[in-house]
C-alpha atoms as a PDB file:
ATOM      1  CA  MET A   1     -26.612 -24.400  17.630  1.00  0.00           C
ATOM      2  CA  THR A   2     -25.673 -22.795  20.932  1.00  0.00           C
ATOM      3  CA  GLU A   3     -26.139 -19.068  21.407  1.00  0.00           C
ATOM      4  CA  SER A   4     -25.633 -16.948  24.515  1.00  0.00           C
ATOM      5  CA  THR A   5     -27.829 -13.975  25.318  1.00  0.00           C
ATOM      6  CA  HIS A   6     -25.120 -11.537  24.245  1.00  0.00           C
ATOM      7  CA  LEU A   7     -24.007 -13.657  21.291  1.00  0.00           C
ATOM      8  CA  ASP A   8     -20.523 -14.064  22.756  1.00  0.00           C
ATOM      9  CA  ARG A   9     -20.335 -17.512  21.170  1.00  0.00           C
ATOM     10  CA  VAL A  10     -22.349 -19.083  18.363  1.00  0.00           C
ATOM     11  CA  GLU A  11     -21.655 -22.624  17.181  1.00  0.00           C
ATOM     12  CA  MET A  12     -22.849 -23.232  13.650  1.00  0.00           C
ATOM     13  CA  SER A  13     -22.547 -26.461  11.722  1.00  0.00           C
ATOM     14  CA  THR A  14     -19.325 -25.403   9.951  1.00  0.00           C
ATOM     15  CA  LEU A  15     -17.852 -22.588  12.024  1.00  0.00           C
ATOM     16  CA  VAL A  16     -17.658 -21.052  15.473  1.00  0.00           C
ATOM     17  CA  TYR A  17     -18.277 -17.350  16.066  1.00  0.00           C
ATOM     18  CA  SER A  18     -17.058 -15.801  19.305  1.00  0.00           C
ATOM     19  CA  VAL A  19     -16.446 -12.336  20.690  1.00  0.00           C
ATOM     20  CA  GLU A  20     -13.405 -11.527  22.789  1.00  0.00           C
ATOM     21  CA  GLY A  21     -13.437  -7.921  23.911  1.00  0.00           C
ATOM     22  CA  GLN A  22     -13.740  -5.845  20.755  1.00  0.00           C
ATOM     23  CA  ILE A  23     -12.734  -8.692  18.437  1.00  0.00           C
ATOM     24  CA  ALA A  24     -14.991 -11.194  16.715  1.00  0.00           C
ATOM     25  CA  VAL A  25     -13.246 -14.487  15.981  1.00  0.00           C
ATOM     26  CA  VAL A  26     -14.642 -16.551  13.109  1.00  0.00           C
ATOM     27  CA  THR A  27     -13.185 -20.068  13.156  1.00  0.00           C
ATOM     28  CA  LEU A  28     -13.820 -22.353  10.179  1.00  0.00           C
ATOM     29  CA  ASN A  29     -14.643 -25.601  11.928  1.00  0.00           C
ATOM     30  CA  ARG A  30     -14.468 -28.640   9.662  1.00  0.00           C
ATOM     31  CA  PRO A  31     -11.018 -29.898  10.697  1.00  0.00           C
ATOM     32  CA  ASP A  32     -11.798 -33.453   9.586  1.00  0.00           C
ATOM     33  CA  ARG A  33     -12.361 -32.063   6.061  1.00  0.00           C
ATOM     34  CA  MET A  34      -9.464 -29.570   6.165  1.00  0.00           C
ATOM     35  CA  ASN A  35     -11.985 -26.770   6.831  1.00  0.00           C
ATOM     36  CA  THR A  36     -13.126 -26.967   3.222  1.00  0.00           C
ATOM     37  CA  LEU A  37     -15.907 -24.729   1.902  1.00  0.00           C
ATOM     38  CA  GLY A  38     -18.546 -27.440   1.891  1.00  0.00           C
ATOM     39  CA  GLY A  39     -21.726 -28.084   3.792  1.00  0.00           C
ATOM     40  CA  THR A  40     -23.233 -24.821   5.001  1.00  0.00           C
ATOM     41  CA  MET A  41     -19.892 -22.993   5.227  1.00  0.00           C
ATOM     42  CA  LYS A  42     -20.840 -20.151   2.881  1.00  0.00           C
ATOM     43  CA  PRO A  43     -24.202 -19.290   4.465  1.00  0.00           C
ATOM     44  CA  ASP A  44     -22.578 -19.692   7.875  1.00  0.00           C
ATOM     45  CA  LEU A  45     -19.886 -17.195   6.876  1.00  0.00           C
ATOM     46  CA  ALA A  46     -22.573 -14.802   5.692  1.00  0.00           C
ATOM     47  CA  ARG A  47     -24.370 -15.087   9.012  1.00  0.00           C
ATOM     48  CA  ALA A  48     -21.192 -14.631  11.065  1.00  0.00           C
ATOM     49  CA  PHE A  49     -20.175 -11.473   9.227  1.00  0.00           C
ATOM     50  CA  PHE A  50     -23.421  -9.796   8.268  1.00  0.00           C
ATOM     51  CA  GLU A  51     -25.878 -10.826  10.981  1.00  0.00           C
ATOM     52  CA  LEU A  52     -23.562 -11.082  13.985  1.00  0.00           C
ATOM     53  CA  ALA A  53     -20.335  -9.064  13.628  1.00  0.00           C
ATOM     54  CA  ARG A  54     -22.005  -6.257  11.679  1.00  0.00           C
ATOM     55  CA  THR A  55     -24.780  -5.691  14.196  1.00  0.00           C
ATOM     56  CA  ASP A  56     -22.650  -5.978  17.353  1.00  0.00           C
ATOM     57  CA  ASP A  57     -21.447  -2.512  18.334  1.00  0.00           C
ATOM     58  CA  ARG A  58     -18.787  -4.053  20.558  1.00  0.00           C
ATOM     59  CA  VAL A  59     -17.014  -5.562  17.560  1.00  0.00           C
ATOM     60  CA  ARG A  60     -14.450  -3.321  15.888  1.00  0.00           C
ATOM     61  CA  ALA A  61     -12.380  -5.948  14.058  1.00  0.00           C
ATOM     62  CA  VAL A  62     -12.644  -9.580  12.978  1.00  0.00           C
ATOM     63  CA  VAL A  63     -10.085 -12.395  13.036  1.00  0.00           C
ATOM     64  CA  LEU A  64     -10.743 -15.220  10.574  1.00  0.00           C
ATOM     65  CA  THR A  65      -8.953 -18.526  11.131  1.00  0.00           C
ATOM     66  CA  GLY A  66      -9.355 -22.303  10.901  1.00  0.00           C
ATOM     67  CA  ALA A  67      -9.731 -25.019  13.504  1.00  0.00           C
ATOM     68  CA  GLY A  68      -6.717 -27.228  14.151  1.00  0.00           C
ATOM     69  CA  GLU A  69      -3.157 -26.883  12.910  1.00  0.00           C
ATOM     70  CA  ARG A  70      -3.429 -28.509   9.477  1.00  0.00           C
ATOM     71  CA  ALA A  71      -5.623 -26.133   7.520  1.00  0.00           C
ATOM     72  CA  PHE A  72      -6.914 -22.598   7.376  1.00  0.00           C
ATOM     73  CA  CYS A  73      -9.107 -23.744   4.501  1.00  0.00           C
ATOM     74  CA  ALA A  74      -8.237 -26.243   1.767  1.00  0.00           C
ATOM     75  CA  GLY A  75     -10.754 -24.784  -0.675  1.00  0.00           C
ATOM     76  CA  ALA A  76     -13.697 -26.588  -2.211  1.00  0.00           C
ATOM     77  CA  ASP A  77     -14.781 -29.914  -0.788  1.00  0.00           C
ATOM     78  CA  ILE A  78     -13.791 -32.064  -3.772  1.00  0.00           C
ATOM     79  CA  LYS A  79     -15.465 -35.145  -2.313  1.00  0.00           C
ATOM     80  CA  GLU A  80     -18.771 -33.280  -2.318  1.00  0.00           C
ATOM     81  CA  ARG A  81     -18.295 -31.967  -5.850  1.00  0.00           C
ATOM     82  CA  ALA A  82     -16.717 -34.941  -7.590  1.00  0.00           C
ATOM     83  CA  GLY A  83     -20.004 -36.616  -8.503  1.00  0.00           C
ATOM     84  CA  GLN A  84     -21.918 -33.479  -9.384  1.00  0.00           C
ATOM     85  CA  GLU A  85     -23.063 -32.781 -12.941  1.00  0.00           C
ATOM     86  CA  VAL A  86     -23.283 -29.025 -13.459  1.00  0.00           C
ATOM     87  CA  ARG A  87     -24.318 -27.183 -16.601  1.00  0.00           C
ATOM     88  CA  ALA A  88     -22.209 -24.208 -17.590  1.00  0.00           C
ATOM     89  CA  SER A  89     -25.156 -21.829 -17.538  1.00  0.00           C
ATOM     90  CA  ASP A  90     -26.149 -22.951 -14.039  1.00  0.00           C
ATOM     91  CA  PHE A  91     -22.589 -22.628 -12.747  1.00  0.00           C
ATOM     92  CA  PHE A  92     -22.322 -19.097 -14.145  1.00  0.00           C
ATOM     93  CA  ILE A  93     -25.380 -18.087 -12.125  1.00  0.00           C
ATOM     94  CA  THR A  94     -24.604 -19.943  -8.903  1.00  0.00           C
ATOM     95  CA  GLN A  95     -20.965 -18.864  -8.818  1.00  0.00           C
ATOM     96  CA  LYS A  96     -22.114 -15.255  -8.543  1.00  0.00           C
ATOM     97  CA  VAL A  97     -23.400 -16.125  -5.071  1.00  0.00           C
ATOM     98  CA  THR A  98     -19.821 -16.976  -4.065  1.00  0.00           C
ATOM     99  CA  HIS A  99     -18.468 -13.877  -5.783  1.00  0.00           C
ATOM    100  CA  ASP A 100     -21.002 -11.717  -3.964  1.00  0.00           C
ATOM    101  CA  LEU A 101     -20.215 -13.305  -0.583  1.00  0.00           C
ATOM    102  CA  PHE A 102     -16.447 -12.945  -0.949  1.00  0.00           C
ATOM    103  CA  ARG A 103     -16.811  -9.403  -2.274  1.00  0.00           C
ATOM    104  CA  ALA A 104     -19.008  -8.488   0.693  1.00  0.00           C
ATOM    105  CA  ILE A 105     -16.364  -9.863   3.094  1.00  0.00           C
ATOM    106  CA  GLU A 106     -13.708  -7.867   1.239  1.00  0.00           C
ATOM    107  CA  GLU A 107     -15.814  -4.699   1.593  1.00  0.00           C
ATOM    108  CA  PHE A 108     -16.916  -5.466   5.171  1.00  0.00           C
ATOM    109  CA  GLU A 109     -16.814  -2.205   7.081  1.00  0.00           C
ATOM    110  CA  LYS A 110     -14.867  -3.630  10.017  1.00  0.00           C
ATOM    111  CA  PRO A 111     -11.260  -4.686   9.319  1.00  0.00           C
ATOM    112  CA  VAL A 112     -10.640  -8.416   8.895  1.00  0.00           C
ATOM    113  CA  VAL A 113      -7.368 -10.130   9.833  1.00  0.00           C
ATOM    114  CA  ALA A 114      -6.719 -13.619   8.444  1.00  0.00           C
ATOM    115  CA  ALA A 115      -4.765 -15.915  10.757  1.00  0.00           C
ATOM    116  CA  ILE A 116      -3.625 -18.602   8.314  1.00  0.00           C
ATOM    117  CA  ASN A 117      -2.986 -21.540  10.594  1.00  0.00           C
ATOM    118  CA  GLY A 118      -2.234 -24.189   7.956  1.00  0.00           C
ATOM    119  CA  VAL A 119      -2.796 -24.766   4.266  1.00  0.00           C
ATOM    120  CA  ALA A 120      -4.743 -22.092   2.394  1.00  0.00           C
ATOM    121  CA  LEU A 121      -5.465 -23.559  -1.007  1.00  0.00           C
ATOM    122  CA  GLY A 122      -7.889 -22.772  -3.795  1.00  0.00           C
ATOM    123  CA  GLY A 123     -11.021 -21.211  -2.361  1.00  0.00           C
ATOM    124  CA  GLY A 124      -9.305 -21.056   1.018  1.00  0.00           C
ATOM    125  CA  LEU A 125      -6.622 -18.731  -0.308  1.00  0.00           C
ATOM    126  CA  GLU A 126      -9.273 -16.826  -2.256  1.00  0.00           C
ATOM    127  CA  LEU A 127     -11.123 -16.272   1.019  1.00  0.00           C
ATOM    128  CA  ALA A 128      -7.917 -15.103   2.713  1.00  0.00           C
ATOM    129  CA  LEU A 129      -7.330 -12.676  -0.173  1.00  0.00           C
ATOM    130  CA  CYS A 130     -10.579 -10.941   0.802  1.00  0.00           C
ATOM    131  CA  CYS A 131      -9.168 -10.112   4.223  1.00  0.00           C
ATOM    132  CA  ASP A 132      -7.404  -6.808   4.865  1.00  0.00           C
ATOM    133  CA  ILE A 133      -4.276  -8.247   6.478  1.00  0.00           C
ATOM    134  CA  ARG A 134      -2.931 -11.802   6.451  1.00  0.00           C
ATOM    135  CA  LEU A 135      -0.682 -13.425   9.057  1.00  0.00           C
ATOM    136  CA  ALA A 136       0.599 -16.964   8.541  1.00  0.00           C
ATOM    137  CA  ALA A 137       1.921 -19.727  10.759  1.00  0.00           C
ATOM    138  CA  ASP A 138       5.415 -20.772   9.739  1.00  0.00           C
ATOM    139  CA  HIS A 139       4.174 -24.185   8.585  1.00  0.00           C
ATOM    140  CA  ALA A 140       1.421 -22.784   6.356  1.00  0.00           C
ATOM    141  CA  ARG A 141       1.343 -23.460   2.627  1.00  0.00           C
ATOM    142  CA  LEU A 142      -0.552 -21.359   0.123  1.00  0.00           C
ATOM    143  CA  GLY A 143      -1.571 -21.795  -3.488  1.00  0.00           C
ATOM    144  CA  LEU A 144      -4.231 -21.822  -6.202  1.00  0.00           C
ATOM    145  CA  PRO A 145      -3.871 -25.356  -7.622  1.00  0.00           C
ATOM    146  CA  GLU A 146      -7.200 -25.498  -9.500  1.00  0.00           C
ATOM    147  CA  VAL A 147      -5.697 -25.982 -12.978  1.00  0.00           C
ATOM    148  CA  ARG A 148      -4.454 -29.388 -11.842  1.00  0.00           C
ATOM    149  CA  LEU A 149      -8.129 -30.407 -11.649  1.00  0.00           C
ATOM    150  CA  GLY A 150      -8.974 -28.956 -15.029  1.00  0.00           C
ATOM    151  CA  VAL A 151     -10.610 -25.775 -13.734  1.00  0.00           C
ATOM    152  CA  ILE A 152      -9.485 -22.277 -12.739  1.00  0.00           C
ATOM    153  CA  PRO A 153      -9.586 -20.288  -9.491  1.00  0.00           C
ATOM    154  CA  ALA A 154     -13.167 -19.021  -9.753  1.00  0.00           C
ATOM    155  CA  ALA A 155     -13.802 -17.340  -6.403  1.00  0.00           C
ATOM    156  CA  GLY A 156     -11.814 -14.238  -7.279  1.00  0.00           C
ATOM    157  CA  GLY A 157      -8.311 -15.707  -7.335  1.00  0.00           C
ATOM    158  CA  THR A 158      -7.544 -14.766 -10.941  1.00  0.00           C
ATOM    159  CA  GLN A 159      -8.371 -11.146 -10.108  1.00  0.00           C
ATOM    160  CA  ARG A 160      -7.211 -10.559  -6.528  1.00  0.00           C
ATOM    161  CA  LEU A 161      -3.903 -12.428  -6.546  1.00  0.00           C
ATOM    162  CA  PRO A 162      -2.376 -10.464  -9.487  1.00  0.00           C
ATOM    163  CA  ARG A 163      -3.501  -7.211  -7.891  1.00  0.00           C
ATOM    164  CA  LEU A 164      -1.690  -8.196  -4.706  1.00  0.00           C
ATOM    165  CA  ILE A 165       1.556  -9.828  -5.864  1.00  0.00           C
ATOM    166  CA  GLY A 166       1.800  -8.859  -9.527  1.00  0.00           C
ATOM    167  CA  GLU A 167       0.742 -10.483 -12.754  1.00  0.00           C
ATOM    168  CA  ALA A 168       3.822 -12.628 -13.441  1.00  0.00           C
ATOM    169  CA  ARG A 169       4.077 -14.180  -9.987  1.00  0.00           C
ATOM    170  CA  ALA A 170       0.325 -14.821  -9.882  1.00  0.00           C
ATOM    171  CA  LYS A 171       0.411 -16.528 -13.275  1.00  0.00           C
ATOM    172  CA  ALA A 172       3.387 -18.633 -12.247  1.00  0.00           C
ATOM    173  CA  LEU A 173       1.522 -19.865  -9.167  1.00  0.00           C
ATOM    174  CA  MET A 174      -1.749 -20.531 -10.963  1.00  0.00           C
ATOM    175  CA  LEU A 175      -0.430 -22.050 -14.182  1.00  0.00           C
ATOM    176  CA  THR A 176       1.878 -24.489 -12.382  1.00  0.00           C
ATOM    177  CA  ALA A 177      -0.552 -25.269  -9.537  1.00  0.00           C
ATOM    178  CA  ALA A 178       2.373 -24.574  -7.212  1.00  0.00           C
ATOM    179  CA  GLN A 179       2.169 -24.266  -3.462  1.00  0.00           C
ATOM    180  CA  ILE A 180       4.487 -21.882  -1.641  1.00  0.00           C
ATOM    181  CA  ASP A 181       5.526 -21.892   1.981  1.00  0.00           C
ATOM    182  CA  ALA A 182       4.919 -19.081   4.429  1.00  0.00           C
ATOM    183  CA  ALA A 183       8.388 -17.584   3.967  1.00  0.00           C
ATOM    184  CA  GLN A 184       7.869 -17.298   0.192  1.00  0.00           C
ATOM    185  CA  ALA A 185       4.396 -15.868   0.760  1.00  0.00           C
ATOM    186  CA  LEU A 186       5.970 -13.193   2.954  1.00  0.00           C
ATOM    187  CA  ASN A 187       8.549 -12.450   0.260  1.00  0.00           C
ATOM    188  CA  TYR A 188       5.765 -12.051  -2.291  1.00  0.00           C
ATOM    189  CA  GLY A 189       3.780  -9.739  -0.028  1.00  0.00           C
ATOM    190  CA  LEU A 190       0.946 -12.247   0.132  1.00  0.00           C
ATOM    191  CA  VAL A 191       1.175 -12.201   3.937  1.00  0.00           C
ATOM    192  CA  THR A 192       2.538  -9.460   6.164  1.00  0.00           C
ATOM    193  CA  GLN A 193       3.924 -11.564   8.999  1.00  0.00           C
ATOM    194  CA  VAL A 194       5.035 -15.153   9.637  1.00  0.00           C
ATOM    195  CA  VAL A 195       5.039 -16.452  13.197  1.00  0.00           C
ATOM    196  CA  PRO A 196       5.388 -19.816  14.937  1.00  0.00           C
ATOM    197  CA  GLY A 197       2.105 -21.689  14.842  1.00  0.00           C
ATOM    198  CA  ALA A 198       1.709 -21.588  18.611  1.00  0.00           C
ATOM    199  CA  GLU A 199       1.875 -17.770  18.535  1.00  0.00           C
ATOM    200  CA  LEU A 200      -0.363 -17.134  15.522  1.00  0.00           C
ATOM    201  CA  MET A 201      -3.643 -16.360  17.261  1.00  0.00           C
ATOM    202  CA  GLN A 202      -1.922 -14.305  19.944  1.00  0.00           C
ATOM    203  CA  GLN A 203      -0.270 -12.174  17.261  1.00  0.00           C
ATOM    204  CA  ALA A 204      -3.452 -11.909  15.163  1.00  0.00           C
ATOM    205  CA  MET A 205      -5.503 -10.890  18.201  1.00  0.00           C
ATOM    206  CA  ALA A 206      -2.877  -8.332  19.227  1.00  0.00           C
ATOM    207  CA  LEU A 207      -2.962  -6.785  15.756  1.00  0.00           C
ATOM    208  CA  ALA A 208      -6.765  -6.773  15.668  1.00  0.00           C
ATOM    209  CA  SER A 209      -6.855  -5.223  19.144  1.00  0.00           C
ATOM    210  CA  GLN A 210      -4.451  -2.493  18.061  1.00  0.00           C
ATOM    211  CA  ILE A 211      -6.764  -1.692  15.144  1.00  0.00           C
ATOM    212  CA  ALA A 212      -9.816  -1.838  17.424  1.00  0.00           C
ATOM    213  CA  GLU A 213      -8.366   0.916  19.609  1.00  0.00           C
ATOM    214  CA  MET A 214      -8.422   3.324  16.679  1.00  0.00           C
ATOM    215  CA  PRO A 215     -11.477   5.517  15.933  1.00  0.00           C
ATOM    216  CA  PRO A 216     -13.930   3.216  14.098  1.00  0.00           C
ATOM    217  CA  LEU A 217     -15.122   5.733  11.511  1.00  0.00           C
ATOM    218  CA  ALA A 218     -11.601   6.668  10.476  1.00  0.00           C
ATOM    219  CA  VAL A 219     -10.665   2.993  10.189  1.00  0.00           C
ATOM    220  CA  ARG A 220     -13.763   2.286   8.106  1.00  0.00           C
ATOM    221  CA  PHE A 221     -13.219   5.149   5.680  1.00  0.00           C
ATOM    222  CA  ALA A 222      -9.467   4.517   5.378  1.00  0.00           C
ATOM    223  CA  LYS A 223     -10.192   0.906   4.409  1.00  0.00           C
ATOM    224  CA  ARG A 224     -12.808   1.953   1.873  1.00  0.00           C
ATOM    225  CA  ALA A 225     -10.543   4.626   0.392  1.00  0.00           C
ATOM    226  CA  VAL A 226      -7.763   2.088  -0.179  1.00  0.00           C
ATOM    227  CA  ASN A 227     -10.178  -0.475  -1.636  1.00  0.00           C
ATOM    228  CA  ARG A 228     -11.744   2.061  -3.972  1.00  0.00           C
ATOM    229  CA  GLY A 229      -8.381   3.447  -5.025  1.00  0.00           C
ATOM    230  CA  MET A 230      -7.056   0.019  -5.946  1.00  0.00           C
ATOM    231  CA  GLN A 231      -9.945  -0.437  -8.391  1.00  0.00           C
ATOM    232  CA  THR A 232      -9.795   2.901 -10.179  1.00  0.00           C
ATOM    233  CA  ASP A 233      -7.549   5.639 -11.576  1.00  0.00           C
ATOM    234  CA  LEU A 234      -5.608   8.030  -9.359  1.00  0.00           C
ATOM    235  CA  ASP A 235      -7.870  11.048  -9.853  1.00  0.00           C
ATOM    236  CA  SER A 236     -10.988   9.049  -8.966  1.00  0.00           C
ATOM    237  CA  GLY A 237      -9.203   7.612  -5.951  1.00  0.00           C
ATOM    238  CA  LEU A 238      -8.194  11.061  -4.771  1.00  0.00           C
ATOM    239  CA  GLU A 239     -11.755  12.267  -5.166  1.00  0.00           C
ATOM    240  CA  TYR A 240     -12.998   9.444  -2.944  1.00  0.00           C
ATOM    241  CA  GLU A 241     -10.231  10.250  -0.451  1.00  0.00           C
ATOM    242  CA  ARG A 242     -11.504  13.842  -0.245  1.00  0.00           C
ATOM    243  CA  TYR A 243     -15.044  12.576   0.235  1.00  0.00           C
ATOM    244  CA  ALA A 244     -13.970  10.237   3.032  1.00  0.00           C
ATOM    245  CA  ALA A 245     -11.946  12.961   4.751  1.00  0.00           C
ATOM    246  CA  ALA A 246     -14.884  15.360   4.529  1.00  0.00           C
ATOM    247  CA  MET A 247     -17.189  12.790   6.116  1.00  0.00           C
ATOM    248  CA  LEU A 248     -14.838  12.596   9.113  1.00  0.00           C
ATOM    249  CA  VAL A 249     -13.896  16.227   9.602  1.00  0.00           C
ATOM    250  CA  ASP A 250     -16.816  17.085  11.912  1.00  0.00           C
ATOM    251  CA  SER A 251     -17.178  13.689  13.582  1.00  0.00           C
ATOM    252  CA  GLU A 252     -17.212  13.323  17.359  1.00  0.00           C
ATOM    253  CA  ASP A 253     -14.270  10.929  17.139  1.00  0.00           C
ATOM    254  CA  ARG A 254     -12.123  13.525  15.354  1.00  0.00           C
ATOM    255  CA  LYS A 255     -12.955  16.118  18.002  1.00  0.00           C
ATOM    256  CA  GLU A 256     -12.216  13.626  20.761  1.00  0.00           C
ATOM    257  CA  GLY A 257      -8.911  12.653  19.158  1.00  0.00           C
ATOM    258  CA  MET A 258      -7.839  16.279  18.936  1.00  0.00           C
ATOM    259  CA  ARG A 259      -8.901  17.044  22.521  1.00  0.00           C
ATOM    260  CA  ALA A 260      -7.151  13.968  23.884  1.00  0.00           C
ATOM    261  CA  PHE A 261      -3.956  14.890  22.047  1.00  0.00           C
ATOM    262  CA  VAL A 262      -3.967  18.414  23.502  1.00  0.00           C
ATOM    263  CA  GLU A 263      -4.907  17.145  26.986  1.00  0.00           C
ATOM    264  CA  LYS A 264      -2.287  14.365  26.790  1.00  0.00           C
ATOM    265  CA  ARG A 265      -4.718  11.588  27.662  1.00  0.00           C
ATOM    266  CA  LYS A 266      -5.979   8.416  26.040  1.00  0.00           C
ATOM    267  CA  PRO A 267      -8.935   9.138  23.745  1.00  0.00           C
ATOM    268  CA  VAL A 268     -12.293   7.414  24.062  1.00  0.00           C
ATOM    269  CA  PHE A 269     -13.686   6.749  20.585  1.00  0.00           C
ATOM    270  CA  ARG A 270     -17.359   5.932  20.091  1.00  0.00           C
ATOM    271  CA  GLY A 271     -17.647   5.584  16.347  1.00  0.00           C
ATOM    272  CA  ARG A 272     -19.674   8.758  15.919  1.00  0.00           C
END
């Protein structure tokens, strides 16, 4: 592992973490295995998000992508799992670790942009579903093909995909093990933008930088309000919205934003 004094770049066994300005870039780095979620990928992801990006005050947004042009993440490493004998009771317990990790990424206080640079299948798509915004290269393919192997999407796919694209479309994808191209993913609302592969990171970084210029507290609470609202009834969501707005009303960033607007200058937000 190579770490600089300021943690601008950390090379782990399965991913690379780097900081560019106000953006942390997490690159899944197993291109020879299609960036599958094997080896130490899950603990490495936990470290990148919750030990590095969370504690670095410079970082105001995260871009998550994969190494190479073939794969964002092709899901579980089937070669690693094929010979494993797992009892149902053990799987039920151990799978909660994955659920907890993916849920923590979904609820991460700094916005996360997925730059889907190739196939995003199975657990790879489930990981992308935890991100706030998804951009895809025009050659990307996405799907939850687990039923073909006699299992189901078990890292949140059966829950997050219907919430995002609707029950019928999600069932059609899962029950047929279909893969869709980037254009169809855009039509479904699974991704928000499709760009040529050579422009993907430039576009993802530009979007993340635009978010990073916004006041951090407002961004954080807006994200949490949307996430909470999607999981509850309207009245409960509105109550959380009022709570979030109240938390911001006397913040330094709000005062700075108002002053800068009146003084016709660019605001300087400090996340306080």
